[in-house]
Protein backbone atom coordinates (compact mmCIF):
# COMPACT_ATOMS: atom_id res chain seq x y z
CA UNK A 1 1.32 18.18 33.56
CA UNK A 2 2.74 21.20 31.71
CA UNK A 3 2.27 24.53 33.47
CA UNK A 4 0.36 27.05 31.36
CA UNK A 5 1.32 30.73 31.50
CA UNK A 6 -1.50 32.94 32.75
CA UNK A 7 -2.93 35.42 30.21
CA UNK A 8 -2.51 39.16 30.70
CA UNK A 9 -6.26 39.75 30.75
CA UNK A 10 -8.84 38.69 33.31
CA UNK A 11 -12.22 36.97 33.31
CA UNK A 12 -13.66 40.15 34.83
CA UNK A 13 -12.54 42.19 31.82
CA UNK A 14 -14.18 39.68 29.49
CA UNK A 15 -17.36 39.77 31.56
CA UNK A 16 -17.50 43.58 31.36
CA UNK A 17 -17.07 43.47 27.57
CA UNK A 18 -19.79 40.87 27.13
CA UNK A 19 -22.24 42.72 29.34
CA UNK A 20 -21.64 46.03 27.60
CA UNK A 21 -22.05 44.39 24.19
CA UNK A 22 -25.27 42.64 25.23
CA UNK A 23 -26.85 45.78 26.72
CA UNK A 24 -25.48 48.14 24.09
CA UNK A 25 -24.06 50.81 26.39
CA UNK A 26 -21.42 51.08 29.05
CA UNK A 27 -23.81 52.88 31.39
CA UNK A 28 -26.35 50.05 31.19
CA UNK A 29 -23.61 47.50 31.89
CA UNK A 30 -22.43 49.56 34.87
CA UNK A 31 -25.97 49.66 36.28
CA UNK A 32 -26.45 45.90 35.91
CA UNK A 33 -23.04 45.01 37.39
CA UNK A 34 -23.23 47.65 40.15
CA UNK A 35 -19.92 49.25 39.22
CA UNK A 36 -19.04 52.66 37.83
CA UNK A 37 -19.12 53.43 34.11
CA UNK A 38 -15.45 54.37 34.30
CA UNK A 39 -14.60 50.91 35.70
CA UNK A 40 -16.32 49.26 32.70
CA UNK A 41 -14.67 51.62 30.22
CA UNK A 42 -11.21 51.26 31.76
CA UNK A 43 -11.50 47.45 31.79
CA UNK A 44 -12.43 47.30 28.10
CA UNK A 45 -9.63 49.73 27.20
CA UNK A 46 -7.11 47.63 29.15
CA UNK A 47 -8.38 44.47 27.44
CA UNK A 48 -7.93 46.08 24.02
CA UNK A 49 -4.38 47.13 24.92
CA UNK A 50 -3.48 43.66 26.17
CA UNK A 51 -4.93 41.95 23.06
CA UNK A 52 -3.59 44.71 20.77
CA UNK A 53 -6.94 44.89 19.00
CA UNK A 54 -9.87 47.29 18.91
CA UNK A 55 -12.77 45.27 20.24
CA UNK A 56 -15.59 47.80 20.07
CA UNK A 57 -16.64 51.14 18.72
CA UNK A 58 -18.01 53.45 21.38
CA UNK A 59 -20.26 56.23 20.13
CA UNK A 60 -22.05 58.46 22.57
CA UNK A 61 -25.30 58.55 20.63
CA UNK A 62 -25.26 55.04 19.19
CA UNK A 63 -23.84 53.11 22.14
CA UNK A 64 -21.28 50.30 21.90
CA UNK A 65 -20.82 48.02 18.87
CA UNK A 66 -18.36 45.13 18.65
CA UNK A 67 -15.80 45.04 15.87
CA UNK A 68 -14.96 41.82 14.00
CA UNK A 69 -12.15 41.20 16.50
CA UNK A 70 -14.56 42.00 19.33
CA UNK A 71 -17.07 39.45 18.05
CA UNK A 72 -14.31 36.81 17.93
CA UNK A 73 -13.24 37.62 21.48
CA UNK A 74 -16.85 37.63 22.69
CA UNK A 75 -17.52 34.18 21.23
CA UNK A 76 -14.45 32.71 22.96
CA UNK A 77 -15.19 34.67 26.15
CA UNK A 78 -18.66 33.09 26.42
CA UNK A 79 -17.10 29.62 26.56
CA UNK A 80 -14.36 30.68 28.99
CA UNK A 81 -16.82 32.27 31.40
CA UNK A 82 -19.17 29.28 31.17
CA UNK A 83 -16.29 26.92 32.03
CA UNK A 84 -15.22 29.15 34.93
CA UNK A 85 -18.76 29.31 36.31
CA UNK A 86 -19.13 25.53 36.00
CA UNK A 87 -15.85 25.07 37.87
CA UNK A 88 -17.02 27.38 40.65
CA UNK A 89 -20.34 25.55 40.98
CA UNK A 90 -18.57 22.18 41.11
CA UNK A 91 -16.16 23.18 43.86
CA UNK A 92 -17.85 25.91 45.88
CA UNK A 93 -19.51 25.03 49.16
CA UNK A 94 -22.94 26.60 49.55
CA UNK A 95 -25.36 26.48 52.49
CA UNK A 96 -23.04 24.09 54.30
CA UNK A 97 -23.14 21.53 51.48
CA UNK A 98 -19.77 20.11 50.49
CA UNK A 99 -19.08 19.96 46.76
CA UNK A 100 -16.18 18.69 44.66
CA UNK A 101 -13.73 15.80 44.33
CA UNK A 102 -11.53 14.05 46.88
CA UNK A 103 -8.81 11.68 45.70
CA UNK A 104 -8.14 8.98 48.29
CA UNK A 105 -5.03 6.82 48.34
CA UNK A 106 -5.37 3.46 50.05
CA UNK A 107 -3.06 0.52 50.69
CA UNK A 108 -4.64 -2.47 48.88
CA UNK A 109 -5.16 -4.72 51.92
CA UNK A 110 -6.86 -1.84 53.74
CA UNK A 111 -9.18 -1.06 50.83
CA UNK A 112 -11.86 -3.69 51.65
CA UNK A 113 -12.01 -2.35 55.21
CA UNK A 114 -11.78 1.41 54.62
CA UNK A 115 -13.39 2.12 51.28
CA UNK A 116 -16.88 0.62 51.79
CA UNK A 117 -17.44 2.84 54.83
CA UNK A 118 -16.26 5.95 53.02
CA UNK A 119 -18.11 5.33 49.77
CA UNK A 120 -21.37 4.29 51.43
CA UNK A 121 -21.62 6.32 54.63
CA UNK A 122 -19.55 9.45 53.94
CA UNK A 123 -20.92 9.41 50.39
CA UNK A 124 -24.51 9.36 51.70
CA UNK A 125 -23.85 12.31 54.01
CA UNK A 126 -22.16 14.34 51.26
CA UNK A 127 -23.69 13.29 47.93
CA UNK A 128 -22.06 16.12 45.95
CA UNK A 129 -18.56 15.10 46.98
CA UNK A 130 -16.98 12.80 44.41
CA UNK A 131 -14.68 10.19 45.96
CA UNK A 132 -11.95 8.99 43.61
CA UNK A 133 -9.93 5.95 44.71
CA UNK A 134 -6.25 5.20 44.09
CA UNK A 135 -5.17 1.82 45.44
CA UNK A 136 -1.40 1.89 45.78
CA UNK A 137 1.36 0.47 47.94
CA UNK A 138 3.09 2.88 50.26
CA UNK A 139 6.36 2.85 48.35
CA UNK A 140 4.47 4.29 45.36
CA UNK A 141 2.71 6.93 47.43
CA UNK A 142 5.77 9.13 47.96
CA UNK A 143 5.41 12.57 46.42
CA UNK A 144 1.79 12.14 45.38
CA UNK A 145 0.42 13.83 48.51
CA UNK A 146 2.83 16.74 48.23
CA UNK A 147 2.02 17.25 44.54
CA UNK A 148 -1.73 17.35 45.23
CA UNK A 149 -2.38 14.27 43.08
CA UNK A 150 -3.80 12.55 46.18
CA UNK A 151 -5.64 14.52 48.89
CA UNK A 152 -5.24 12.00 51.71
CA UNK A 153 -4.41 8.34 52.18
CA UNK A 154 -5.05 5.38 54.48
CA UNK A 155 -1.86 3.47 55.24
CA UNK A 156 -0.03 1.38 57.80
CA UNK A 157 2.17 3.40 60.12
CA UNK A 158 5.29 1.39 59.37
CA UNK A 159 6.25 3.11 56.12
CA UNK A 160 4.70 6.55 55.91
CA UNK A 161 6.46 8.41 53.08
CA UNK A 162 7.80 11.89 53.83
CA UNK A 163 6.53 13.92 56.78
CA UNK A 164 2.78 14.35 56.25
CA UNK A 165 0.19 15.12 58.89
CA UNK A 166 -1.12 11.86 60.30
CA UNK A 167 -3.59 10.50 62.82
CA UNK A 168 -4.21 6.99 64.09
CA UNK A 169 -7.48 5.21 63.33
CA UNK A 170 -6.91 1.86 65.06
CA UNK A 171 -4.19 -0.74 65.68
CA UNK A 172 -4.05 -4.52 65.74
CA UNK A 173 -1.24 -7.11 65.92
CA UNK A 174 -0.30 -9.55 63.21
CA UNK A 175 -1.70 -13.07 63.46
CA UNK A 176 -1.06 -16.47 61.91
CA UNK A 177 -3.50 -17.83 59.33
CA UNK A 178 -3.89 -21.61 59.11
CA UNK A 179 -6.04 -24.09 57.27
CA UNK A 180 -8.85 -25.50 59.42
CA UNK A 181 -7.22 -28.97 59.42
CA UNK A 182 -3.72 -27.69 60.20
CA UNK A 183 -1.94 -29.51 63.05
CA UNK A 184 -1.71 -26.20 64.94
CA UNK A 185 -5.37 -25.27 64.41
CA UNK A 186 -6.38 -26.37 67.91
CA UNK A 187 -3.66 -24.41 69.68
CA UNK A 188 -4.74 -21.28 71.55
CA UNK A 189 -1.72 -19.42 70.09
CA UNK A 190 1.26 -20.17 67.84
CA UNK A 191 4.97 -19.51 68.35
CA UNK A 192 6.98 -18.30 65.39
CA UNK A 193 9.72 -20.74 66.40
CA UNK A 194 7.31 -23.59 65.65
CA UNK A 195 6.66 -22.28 62.14
CA UNK A 196 10.12 -21.70 60.68
CA UNK A 197 10.52 -25.24 59.36
CA UNK A 198 7.15 -25.09 57.64
CA UNK A 199 6.20 -23.48 54.32
CA UNK A 200 5.10 -19.86 54.41
CA UNK A 201 2.88 -18.01 51.94
CA UNK A 202 4.27 -14.46 52.08
CA UNK A 203 2.23 -11.39 51.24
CA UNK A 204 4.99 -9.77 49.21
CA UNK A 205 3.77 -6.18 49.15
CA UNK A 206 5.49 -3.40 51.07
CA UNK A 207 5.23 -2.69 53.93
CA UNK A 208 3.52 -6.02 54.74
CA UNK A 209 6.44 -8.14 53.60
CA UNK A 210 9.00 -6.12 55.58
CA UNK A 211 6.85 -6.21 58.67
CA UNK A 212 6.26 -9.97 58.51
CA UNK A 213 9.93 -10.79 57.96
CA UNK A 214 10.93 -8.42 60.77
CA UNK A 215 8.80 -10.41 63.23
CA UNK A 216 10.94 -13.45 62.52
CA UNK A 217 14.21 -11.52 62.28
CA UNK A 218 13.67 -9.95 65.70
CA UNK A 219 13.64 -13.46 67.14
CA UNK A 220 16.67 -14.61 65.17
CA UNK A 221 14.53 -16.69 62.81
CA UNK A 222 14.34 -17.09 59.04
CA UNK A 223 11.04 -18.37 57.63
CA UNK A 224 10.92 -20.87 54.76
CA UNK A 225 9.01 -19.03 52.05
CA UNK A 226 7.26 -21.31 49.58
CA UNK A 227 5.32 -18.70 47.61
CA UNK A 228 5.42 -14.90 47.38
CA UNK A 229 2.15 -13.32 46.28
CA UNK A 230 0.97 -9.73 45.99
CA UNK A 231 -2.67 -10.34 46.95
CA UNK A 232 -4.05 -10.66 50.46
CA UNK A 233 -6.82 -12.98 49.26
CA UNK A 234 -4.36 -15.21 47.41
CA UNK A 235 -2.48 -15.74 50.69
CA UNK A 236 -5.70 -16.82 52.37
CA UNK A 237 -6.70 -19.04 49.46
CA UNK A 238 -3.38 -20.88 49.31
CA UNK A 239 -3.30 -21.30 53.08
CA UNK A 240 -6.83 -22.71 53.07
CA UNK A 241 -5.67 -25.24 50.48
CA UNK A 242 -3.02 -26.44 52.91
CA UNK A 243 -0.04 -25.09 50.95
CA UNK A 244 1.45 -23.23 53.91
CA UNK A 245 0.69 -20.74 56.64
CA UNK A 246 0.37 -16.97 56.42
CA UNK A 247 1.12 -14.02 58.68
CA UNK A 248 -1.28 -11.12 58.17
CA UNK A 249 -2.53 -8.05 60.00
CA UNK A 250 -6.01 -7.51 58.57
CA UNK A 251 -8.76 -9.64 60.13
CA UNK A 252 -11.76 -10.06 57.82
CA UNK A 253 -14.95 -11.30 59.40
CA UNK A 254 -15.35 -13.92 56.68
CA UNK A 255 -13.87 -17.13 58.20
CA UNK A 256 -13.35 -18.76 54.80
CA UNK A 257 -11.09 -18.28 51.80
CA UNK A 258 -12.20 -16.91 48.46
CA UNK A 259 -12.99 -20.49 47.41
CA UNK A 260 -14.98 -21.17 50.56
CA UNK A 261 -12.44 -23.33 52.40
CA UNK A 262 -12.36 -22.65 56.17
CA UNK A 263 -9.52 -20.78 57.85
CA UNK A 264 -8.48 -20.23 61.45
CA UNK A 265 -6.65 -17.23 62.90
CA UNK A 266 -4.19 -17.65 65.75
CA UNK A 267 -2.50 -15.07 67.93
CA UNK A 268 1.30 -15.04 67.97
CA UNK A 269 3.00 -16.03 71.22
CA UNK A 270 4.76 -14.12 72.73
CA UNK A 271 2.58 -11.22 71.65
CA UNK A 272 3.89 -8.93 68.91
CA UNK A 273 3.45 -5.18 68.80
CA UNK A 274 0.25 -4.01 67.08
CA UNK A 275 0.42 -2.23 63.75
CA UNK A 276 -1.47 1.04 63.48
CA UNK A 277 -3.58 2.14 60.54
CA UNK A 278 -3.33 5.87 59.98
CA UNK A 279 -4.83 8.55 57.82
CA UNK A 280 -2.26 10.93 56.31
CA UNK A 281 -2.57 14.23 54.44
CA UNK A 282 -0.05 16.83 53.22
CA UNK A 283 1.60 19.00 55.84
CA UNK A 284 2.45 21.88 53.50
CA UNK A 285 -0.90 22.20 51.70
CA UNK A 286 -4.01 23.62 53.45
CA UNK A 287 -6.89 21.15 53.26
CA UNK A 288 -10.23 22.29 51.90
CA UNK A 289 -13.54 21.86 53.72
CA UNK A 290 -14.49 18.57 52.09
CA UNK A 291 -11.13 16.90 52.82
CA UNK A 292 -11.27 18.18 56.40
CA UNK A 293 -14.78 16.70 56.73
CA UNK A 294 -13.56 13.30 55.51
CA UNK A 295 -10.65 13.34 57.97
CA UNK A 296 -13.04 14.15 60.83
CA UNK A 297 -15.44 11.43 59.68
CA UNK A 298 -12.66 8.84 59.59
CA UNK A 299 -11.37 9.75 63.05
CA UNK A 300 -14.87 9.62 64.53
CA UNK A 301 -15.73 6.19 63.05
CA UNK A 302 -15.73 3.84 66.09
CA UNK A 303 -16.05 0.47 64.39
CA UNK A 304 -13.70 0.17 61.46
CA UNK A 305 -14.23 -3.29 60.04
CA UNK A 306 -17.06 -4.23 62.39
CA UNK A 307 -19.88 -6.07 60.58
CA UNK A 308 -23.07 -4.10 60.14
CA UNK A 309 -26.56 -5.45 59.92
CA UNK A 310 -28.69 -4.65 56.90
CA UNK A 311 -29.58 -0.97 56.80
CA UNK A 312 -27.37 -0.09 59.79
CA UNK A 313 -25.36 3.11 59.55
């Protein structure tokens, strides 16, 4: 986005000119705007100097009349002031009501867990807040918080870009995903050592891929990767078809694949460290009231991912 140079005149000067032209005298404009006549006169004079044009003719007996240049400025000023007032109405909080947009970044595998709660429940509480969603992997998130392109993001703790503010929402360990008829499906837990000679379906999307491979590397193991896919649901679908096993962190409540084939989830033995899901926001940029409200809402939500009955909030 190209930075535009600010003009030398102000919206207030334009407003004074328009009011004086509408009412016909500087004194009437001063009375309506609750400022002195000299403030109105000085503002119009300064505007004329900055635009290098005479905008009005001021006669003591006949009042104020716009010149041709003044009429041109007035027409453009009407649109500028209308846009400015619209912008203020869209973003200004009044009577405790939050108004304006929030752009939310979200790691794709977290989106089905995080976004429905925000869009439905936070959206119902704050109907004049517009939630805009950017699904992106964490390697593509760098710089977008600092630039203001994204207000906050929901990510795994393993690869937080930069040094933003952050707070933990919840944590859970990775697990093994198997087809329902897999030979290991009846085991209470699965050892990674027992999987290395079998085909793996790898969720190849950072940081998931790095985290999964590190679990094996930490035990001196190298998994046999049959397919690398970028979609969480594709991993589950291929596993349910019996094409391999998967290692994932997210735990959907649906026990079947996208196609409807059953799946089973098994804990890893010995237990692996849980992975935290965090909310992050820029450290160098003050957050506005609506972003602060969303952060507080997210931190207070006690049941991320828990199934809700119809109508339950």
